[in-house]
PDB file of all heavy atoms in Angstrom:
ATOM      1  N   PHE A   1       3.497   9.226  -1.877  1.00  0.00           N
ATOM      2  CA  PHE A   1       4.110   7.984  -2.363  1.00  0.00           C
ATOM      3  C   PHE A   1       3.084   7.206  -3.171  1.00  0.00           C
ATOM      4  O   PHE A   1       1.946   6.989  -2.736  1.00  0.00           O
ATOM      5  CB  PHE A   1       4.637   7.149  -1.195  1.00  0.00           C
ATOM      6  CG  PHE A   1       5.843   7.760  -0.538  1.00  0.00           C
ATOM      7  CD1 PHE A   1       5.718   8.455   0.662  1.00  0.00           C
ATOM      8  CD2 PHE A   1       7.093   7.665  -1.132  1.00  0.00           C
ATOM      9  CE1 PHE A   1       6.819   9.035   1.261  1.00  0.00           C
ATOM     10  CE2 PHE A   1       8.203   8.251  -0.537  1.00  0.00           C
ATOM     11  CZ  PHE A   1       8.061   8.938   0.665  1.00  0.00           C
ATOM     12  N   ILE A   2       3.490   6.772  -4.365  1.00  0.00           N
ATOM     13  CA  ILE A   2       2.600   6.117  -5.318  1.00  0.00           C
ATOM     14  C   ILE A   2       3.081   4.679  -5.539  1.00  0.00           C
ATOM     15  O   ILE A   2       4.270   4.450  -5.801  1.00  0.00           O
ATOM     16  CB  ILE A   2       2.599   6.850  -6.684  1.00  0.00           C
ATOM     17  CG1 ILE A   2       2.502   8.368  -6.503  1.00  0.00           C
ATOM     18  CG2 ILE A   2       1.498   6.302  -7.583  1.00  0.00           C
ATOM     19  CD1 ILE A   2       1.228   8.857  -5.884  1.00  0.00           C
ATOM     20  N   ASN A   3       2.180   3.724  -5.464  1.00  0.00           N
ATOM     21  CA  ASN A   3       2.533   2.343  -5.731  1.00  0.00           C
ATOM     22  C   ASN A   3       2.707   2.114  -7.230  1.00  0.00           C
ATOM     23  O   ASN A   3       1.805   2.401  -8.015  1.00  0.00           O
ATOM     24  CB  ASN A   3       1.445   1.407  -5.200  1.00  0.00           C
ATOM     25  CG  ASN A   3       1.677  -0.036  -5.627  1.00  0.00           C
ATOM     26  OD1 ASN A   3       2.783  -0.543  -5.516  1.00  0.00           O
ATOM     27  ND2 ASN A   3       0.631  -0.678  -6.138  1.00  0.00           N
ATOM     28  N   VAL A   4       3.879   1.591  -7.636  1.00  0.00           N
ATOM     29  CA  VAL A   4       4.058   1.149  -9.018  1.00  0.00           C
ATOM     30  C   VAL A   4       4.405  -0.344  -9.055  1.00  0.00           C
ATOM     31  O   VAL A   4       4.866  -0.861 -10.064  1.00  0.00           O
ATOM     32  CB  VAL A   4       5.150   1.974  -9.738  1.00  0.00           C
ATOM     33  CG1 VAL A   4       4.752   3.434  -9.817  1.00  0.00           C
ATOM     34  CG2 VAL A   4       6.516   1.834  -9.060  1.00  0.00           C
ATOM     35  N   GLN A   5       4.155  -1.027  -7.941  1.00  0.00           N
ATOM     36  CA  GLN A   5       4.386  -2.468  -7.828  1.00  0.00           C
ATOM     37  C   GLN A   5       3.295  -3.191  -8.599  1.00  0.00           C
ATOM     38  O   GLN A   5       2.116  -3.022  -8.325  1.00  0.00           O
ATOM     39  CB  GLN A   5       4.351  -2.874  -6.348  1.00  0.00           C
ATOM     40  CG  GLN A   5       4.556  -4.328  -6.077  1.00  0.00           C
ATOM     41  CD  GLN A   5       5.999  -4.726  -6.274  1.00  0.00           C
ATOM     42  OE1 GLN A   5       6.899  -4.015  -5.849  1.00  0.00           O
ATOM     43  NE2 GLN A   5       6.217  -5.840  -6.922  1.00  0.00           N
ATOM     44  N   TYR A   6       3.665  -4.042  -9.565  1.00  0.00           N
ATOM     45  CA  TYR A   6       2.651  -4.553 -10.478  1.00  0.00           C
ATOM     46  C   TYR A   6       2.039  -5.890 -10.087  1.00  0.00           C
ATOM     47  O   TYR A   6       1.232  -6.425 -10.827  1.00  0.00           O
ATOM     48  CB  TYR A   6       3.192  -4.645 -11.909  1.00  0.00           C
ATOM     49  CG  TYR A   6       4.429  -5.496 -12.089  1.00  0.00           C
ATOM     50  CD1 TYR A   6       4.363  -6.879 -12.141  1.00  0.00           C
ATOM     51  CD2 TYR A   6       5.672  -4.892 -12.253  1.00  0.00           C
ATOM     52  CE1 TYR A   6       5.490  -7.641 -12.327  1.00  0.00           C
ATOM     53  CE2 TYR A   6       6.815  -5.651 -12.445  1.00  0.00           C
ATOM     54  CZ  TYR A   6       6.715  -7.033 -12.493  1.00  0.00           C
ATOM     55  OH  TYR A   6       7.848  -7.795 -12.670  1.00  0.00           O
ATOM     56  N   ASP A   7       2.399  -6.439  -8.937  1.00  0.00           N
ATOM     57  CA  ASP A   7       1.709  -7.665  -8.539  1.00  0.00           C
ATOM     58  C   ASP A   7       0.598  -7.323  -7.549  1.00  0.00           C
ATOM     59  O   ASP A   7       0.359  -6.164  -7.220  1.00  0.00           O
ATOM     60  CB  ASP A   7       2.693  -8.675  -7.938  1.00  0.00           C
ATOM     61  CG  ASP A   7       3.335  -8.176  -6.663  1.00  0.00           C
ATOM     62  OD1 ASP A   7       3.106  -6.999  -6.312  1.00  0.00           O
ATOM     63  OD2 ASP A   7       4.072  -8.953  -6.026  1.00  0.00           O
ATOM     64  N   ALA A   8      -0.121  -8.347  -7.098  1.00  0.00           N
ATOM     65  CA  ALA A   8      -1.246  -8.134  -6.192  1.00  0.00           C
ATOM     66  C   ALA A   8      -0.729  -7.754  -4.809  1.00  0.00           C
ATOM     67  O   ALA A   8      -0.253  -8.599  -4.053  1.00  0.00           O
ATOM     68  CB  ALA A   8      -2.101  -9.400  -6.119  1.00  0.00           C
ATOM     69  N   CYS A   9      -0.816  -6.478  -4.473  1.00  0.00           N
ATOM     70  CA  CYS A   9      -0.261  -6.021  -3.195  1.00  0.00           C
ATOM     71  C   CYS A   9      -1.260  -5.151  -2.432  1.00  0.00           C
ATOM     72  O   CYS A   9      -0.863  -4.470  -1.477  1.00  0.00           O
ATOM     73  CB  CYS A   9       1.039  -5.261  -3.427  1.00  0.00           C
ATOM     74  SG  CYS A   9       0.873  -3.811  -4.492  1.00  0.00           S
ATOM     75  N   CYS A  10      -2.517  -5.140  -2.858  1.00  0.00           N
ATOM     76  CA  CYS A  10      -3.511  -4.263  -2.210  1.00  0.00           C
ATOM     77  C   CYS A  10      -3.618  -4.546  -0.717  1.00  0.00           C
ATOM     78  O   CYS A  10      -3.600  -3.621   0.106  1.00  0.00           O
ATOM     79  CB  CYS A  10      -4.877  -4.431  -2.878  1.00  0.00           C
ATOM     80  SG  CYS A  10      -4.935  -3.777  -4.561  1.00  0.00           S
ATOM     81  N   GLN A  11      -3.733  -5.815  -0.354  1.00  0.00           N
ATOM     82  CA  GLN A  11      -3.891  -6.156   1.054  1.00  0.00           C
ATOM     83  C   GLN A  11      -2.635  -5.810   1.843  1.00  0.00           C
ATOM     84  O   GLN A  11      -2.713  -5.356   2.993  1.00  0.00           O
ATOM     85  CB  GLN A  11      -4.212  -7.651   1.206  1.00  0.00           C
ATOM     86  CG  GLN A  11      -4.558  -8.065   2.632  1.00  0.00           C
ATOM     87  CD  GLN A  11      -5.674  -7.246   3.235  1.00  0.00           C
ATOM     88  OE1 GLN A  11      -6.753  -7.135   2.641  1.00  0.00           O
ATOM     89  NE2 GLN A  11      -5.447  -6.646   4.399  1.00  0.00           N
ATOM     90  N   GLU A  12      -1.472  -5.999   1.227  1.00  0.00           N
ATOM     91  CA  GLU A  12      -0.220  -5.653   1.892  1.00  0.00           C
ATOM     92  C   GLU A  12      -0.165  -4.161   2.196  1.00  0.00           C
ATOM     93  O   GLU A  12       0.255  -3.749   3.283  1.00  0.00           O
ATOM     94  CB  GLU A  12       0.974  -6.055   1.022  1.00  0.00           C
ATOM     95  CG  GLU A  12       2.321  -5.758   1.654  1.00  0.00           C
ATOM     96  CD  GLU A  12       3.498  -6.146   0.783  1.00  0.00           C
ATOM     97  OE1 GLU A  12       3.285  -6.509  -0.386  1.00  0.00           O
ATOM     98  OE2 GLU A  12       4.641  -6.069   1.271  1.00  0.00           O
ATOM     99  N   LEU A  13      -0.626  -3.346   1.248  1.00  0.00           N
ATOM    100  CA  LEU A  13      -0.613  -1.899   1.449  1.00  0.00           C
ATOM    101  C   LEU A  13      -1.593  -1.477   2.533  1.00  0.00           C
ATOM    102  O   LEU A  13      -1.300  -0.582   3.337  1.00  0.00           O
ATOM    103  CB  LEU A  13      -0.938  -1.183   0.136  1.00  0.00           C
ATOM    104  CG  LEU A  13       0.110  -1.311  -0.971  1.00  0.00           C
ATOM    105  CD1 LEU A  13      -0.376  -0.638  -2.252  1.00  0.00           C
ATOM    106  CD2 LEU A  13       1.434  -0.713  -0.525  1.00  0.00           C
ATOM    107  N   VAL A  14      -2.765  -2.116   2.579  1.00  0.00           N
ATOM    108  CA  VAL A  14      -3.753  -1.806   3.620  1.00  0.00           C
ATOM    109  C   VAL A  14      -3.199  -2.161   4.993  1.00  0.00           C
ATOM    110  O   VAL A  14      -3.272  -1.373   5.948  1.00  0.00           O
ATOM    111  CB  VAL A  14      -5.072  -2.547   3.351  1.00  0.00           C
ATOM    112  CG1 VAL A  14      -6.012  -2.411   4.547  1.00  0.00           C
ATOM    113  CG2 VAL A  14      -5.742  -2.018   2.085  1.00  0.00           C
ATOM    114  N   SER A  15      -2.617  -3.355   5.097  1.00  0.00           N
ATOM    115  CA  SER A  15      -2.052  -3.799   6.379  1.00  0.00           C
ATOM    116  C   SER A  15      -0.900  -2.890   6.806  1.00  0.00           C
ATOM    117  O   SER A  15      -0.764  -2.551   7.990  1.00  0.00           O
ATOM    118  CB  SER A  15      -1.556  -5.248   6.263  1.00  0.00           C
ATOM    119  OG  SER A  15      -2.613  -6.114   5.935  1.00  0.00           O
ATOM    120  N   PHE A  16      -0.082  -2.495   5.842  1.00  0.00           N
ATOM    121  CA  PHE A  16       1.051  -1.618   6.138  1.00  0.00           C
ATOM    122  C   PHE A  16       0.565  -0.270   6.655  1.00  0.00           C
ATOM    123  O   PHE A  16       1.096   0.277   7.626  1.00  0.00           O
ATOM    124  CB  PHE A  16       1.886  -1.442   4.869  1.00  0.00           C
ATOM    125  CG  PHE A  16       3.167  -0.698   5.071  1.00  0.00           C
ATOM    126  CD1 PHE A  16       4.287  -1.318   5.591  1.00  0.00           C
ATOM    127  CD2 PHE A  16       3.262   0.648   4.732  1.00  0.00           C
ATOM    128  CE1 PHE A  16       5.471  -0.628   5.777  1.00  0.00           C
ATOM    129  CE2 PHE A  16       4.437   1.349   4.915  1.00  0.00           C
ATOM    130  CZ  PHE A  16       5.551   0.709   5.442  1.00  0.00           C
ATOM    131  N   SER A  17      -0.468   0.270   6.020  1.00  0.00           N
ATOM    132  CA  SER A  17      -1.027   1.560   6.444  1.00  0.00           C
ATOM    133  C   SER A  17      -1.627   1.462   7.838  1.00  0.00           C
ATOM    134  O   SER A  17      -1.439   2.353   8.682  1.00  0.00           O
ATOM    135  CB  SER A  17      -2.083   2.023   5.441  1.00  0.00           C
ATOM    136  OG  SER A  17      -2.672   3.232   5.855  1.00  0.00           O
ATOM    137  N   ASP A  18      -2.358   0.381   8.108  1.00  0.00           N
ATOM    138  CA  ASP A  18      -2.981   0.193   9.427  1.00  0.00           C
ATOM    139  C   ASP A  18      -1.926   0.077  10.521  1.00  0.00           C
ATOM    140  O   ASP A  18      -2.108   0.589  11.636  1.00  0.00           O
ATOM    141  CB  ASP A  18      -3.862  -1.056   9.419  1.00  0.00           C
ATOM    142  CG  ASP A  18      -5.107  -0.888   8.559  1.00  0.00           C
ATOM    143  OD1 ASP A  18      -5.450   0.260   8.237  1.00  0.00           O
ATOM    144  OD2 ASP A  18      -5.730  -1.913   8.207  1.00  0.00           O
ATOM    145  N   LYS A  19      -0.816  -0.584  10.201  1.00  0.00           N
ATOM    146  CA  LYS A  19       0.201  -0.847  11.218  1.00  0.00           C
ATOM    147  C   LYS A  19       1.092   0.356  11.483  1.00  0.00           C
ATOM    148  O   LYS A  19       1.447   0.659  12.628  1.00  0.00           O
ATOM    149  CB  LYS A  19       1.056  -2.044  10.783  1.00  0.00           C
ATOM    150  CG  LYS A  19       2.079  -2.470  11.824  1.00  0.00           C
ATOM    151  CD  LYS A  19       2.792  -3.751  11.384  1.00  0.00           C
ATOM    152  CE  LYS A  19       3.787  -4.216  12.442  1.00  0.00           C
ATOM    153  NZ  LYS A  19       4.493  -5.468  12.022  1.00  0.00           N
ATOM    154  N   TYR A  20       1.449   1.089  10.402  1.00  0.00           N
ATOM    155  CA  TYR A  20       2.451   2.148  10.546  1.00  0.00           C
ATOM    156  C   TYR A  20       1.901   3.549  10.299  1.00  0.00           C
ATOM    157  O   TYR A  20       2.629   4.537  10.493  1.00  0.00           O
ATOM    158  CB  TYR A  20       3.623   1.894   9.594  1.00  0.00           C
ATOM    159  CG  TYR A  20       4.353   0.608   9.868  1.00  0.00           C
ATOM    160  CD1 TYR A  20       4.209  -0.490   9.030  1.00  0.00           C
ATOM    161  CD2 TYR A  20       5.188   0.475  10.982  1.00  0.00           C
ATOM    162  CE1 TYR A  20       4.887  -1.679   9.274  1.00  0.00           C
ATOM    163  CE2 TYR A  20       5.863  -0.705  11.240  1.00  0.00           C
ATOM    164  CZ  TYR A  20       5.709  -1.781  10.379  1.00  0.00           C
ATOM    165  OH  TYR A  20       6.368  -2.950  10.629  1.00  0.00           O
ATOM    166  N   GLY A  21       0.664   3.648   9.852  1.00  0.00           N
ATOM    167  CA  GLY A  21       0.079   4.953   9.589  1.00  0.00           C
ATOM    168  C   GLY A  21       0.676   5.652   8.383  1.00  0.00           C
ATOM    169  O   GLY A  21       0.648   6.893   8.292  1.00  0.00           O
ATOM    170  N   VAL A  22       1.212   4.893   7.449  1.00  0.00           N
ATOM    171  CA  VAL A  22       1.850   5.442   6.245  1.00  0.00           C
ATOM    172  C   VAL A  22       0.938   5.182   5.050  1.00  0.00           C
ATOM    173  O   VAL A  22       0.510   4.054   4.821  1.00  0.00           O
ATOM    174  CB  VAL A  22       3.228   4.797   6.004  1.00  0.00           C
ATOM    175  CG1 VAL A  22       3.783   5.215   4.645  1.00  0.00           C
ATOM    176  CG2 VAL A  22       4.192   5.175   7.114  1.00  0.00           C
ATOM    177  N   LYS A  23       0.648   6.231   4.306  1.00  0.00           N
ATOM    178  CA  LYS A  23      -0.228   6.124   3.150  1.00  0.00           C
ATOM    179  C   LYS A  23       0.591   5.973   1.872  1.00  0.00           C
ATOM    180  O   LYS A  23       1.423   6.829   1.547  1.00  0.00           O
ATOM    181  CB  LYS A  23      -1.109   7.384   3.037  1.00  0.00           C
ATOM    182  CG  LYS A  23      -1.986   7.445   1.794  1.00  0.00           C
ATOM    183  CD  LYS A  23      -3.078   6.400   1.807  1.00  0.00           C
ATOM    184  CE  LYS A  23      -4.031   6.578   0.636  1.00  0.00           C
ATOM    185  NZ  LYS A  23      -5.083   5.546   0.595  1.00  0.00           N
ATOM    186  N   ILE A  24       0.363   4.871   1.152  1.00  0.00           N
ATOM    187  CA  ILE A  24       0.931   4.677  -0.182  1.00  0.00           C
ATOM    188  C   ILE A  24      -0.247   4.645  -1.150  1.00  0.00           C
ATOM    189  O   ILE A  24      -1.083   3.747  -1.091  1.00  0.00           O
ATOM    190  CB  ILE A  24       1.755   3.383  -0.276  1.00  0.00           C
ATOM    191  CG1 ILE A  24       2.911   3.408   0.732  1.00  0.00           C
ATOM    192  CG2 ILE A  24       2.290   3.184  -1.691  1.00  0.00           C
ATOM    193  CD1 ILE A  24       3.682   2.108   0.829  1.00  0.00           C
ATOM    194  N   HIS A  25      -0.339   5.650  -2.002  1.00  0.00           N
ATOM    195  CA  HIS A  25      -1.484   5.769  -2.903  1.00  0.00           C
ATOM    196  C   HIS A  25      -1.443   4.642  -3.940  1.00  0.00           C
ATOM    197  O   HIS A  25      -0.407   4.389  -4.563  1.00  0.00           O
ATOM    198  CB  HIS A  25      -1.487   7.124  -3.592  1.00  0.00           C
ATOM    199  CG  HIS A  25      -1.607   8.267  -2.633  1.00  0.00           C
ATOM    200  ND1 HIS A  25      -2.823   8.741  -2.177  1.00  0.00           N
ATOM    201  CD2 HIS A  25      -0.653   9.022  -2.016  1.00  0.00           C
ATOM    202  CE1 HIS A  25      -2.622   9.740  -1.338  1.00  0.00           C
ATOM    203  NE2 HIS A  25      -1.310   9.932  -1.223  1.00  0.00           N
ATOM    204  N   ASN A  26      -2.572   3.996  -4.121  1.00  0.00           N
ATOM    205  CA  ASN A  26      -2.657   2.849  -5.019  1.00  0.00           C
ATOM    206  C   ASN A  26      -3.858   3.041  -5.943  1.00  0.00           C
ATOM    207  O   ASN A  26      -5.009   2.959  -5.510  1.00  0.00           O
ATOM    208  CB  ASN A  26      -2.810   1.555  -4.206  1.00  0.00           C
ATOM    209  CG  ASN A  26      -2.694   0.320  -5.060  1.00  0.00           C
ATOM    210  OD1 ASN A  26      -1.985   0.311  -6.065  1.00  0.00           O
ATOM    211  ND2 ASN A  26      -3.397  -0.736  -4.676  1.00  0.00           N
ATOM    212  N   PHE A  27      -3.612   3.325  -7.207  1.00  0.00           N
ATOM    213  CA  PHE A  27      -4.685   3.570  -8.174  1.00  0.00           C
ATOM    214  C   PHE A  27      -5.153   2.228  -8.732  1.00  0.00           C
ATOM    215  O   PHE A  27      -4.581   1.700  -9.694  1.00  0.00           O
ATOM    216  CB  PHE A  27      -4.189   4.494  -9.283  1.00  0.00           C
ATOM    217  CG  PHE A  27      -3.817   5.869  -8.799  1.00  0.00           C
ATOM    218  CD1 PHE A  27      -2.492   6.204  -8.575  1.00  0.00           C
ATOM    219  CD2 PHE A  27      -4.797   6.820  -8.537  1.00  0.00           C
ATOM    220  CE1 PHE A  27      -2.134   7.465  -8.125  1.00  0.00           C
ATOM    221  CE2 PHE A  27      -4.451   8.088  -8.084  1.00  0.00           C
ATOM    222  CZ  PHE A  27      -3.121   8.411  -7.873  1.00  0.00           C
TER     223      PHE A  27
END
């Protein structure tokens, strides 16, 4: 899964991964 969300969501993705163990790749 690749992030194409164009606003500032880096911290949201980190928190989401820590909580649910789901990796969303963010370049």
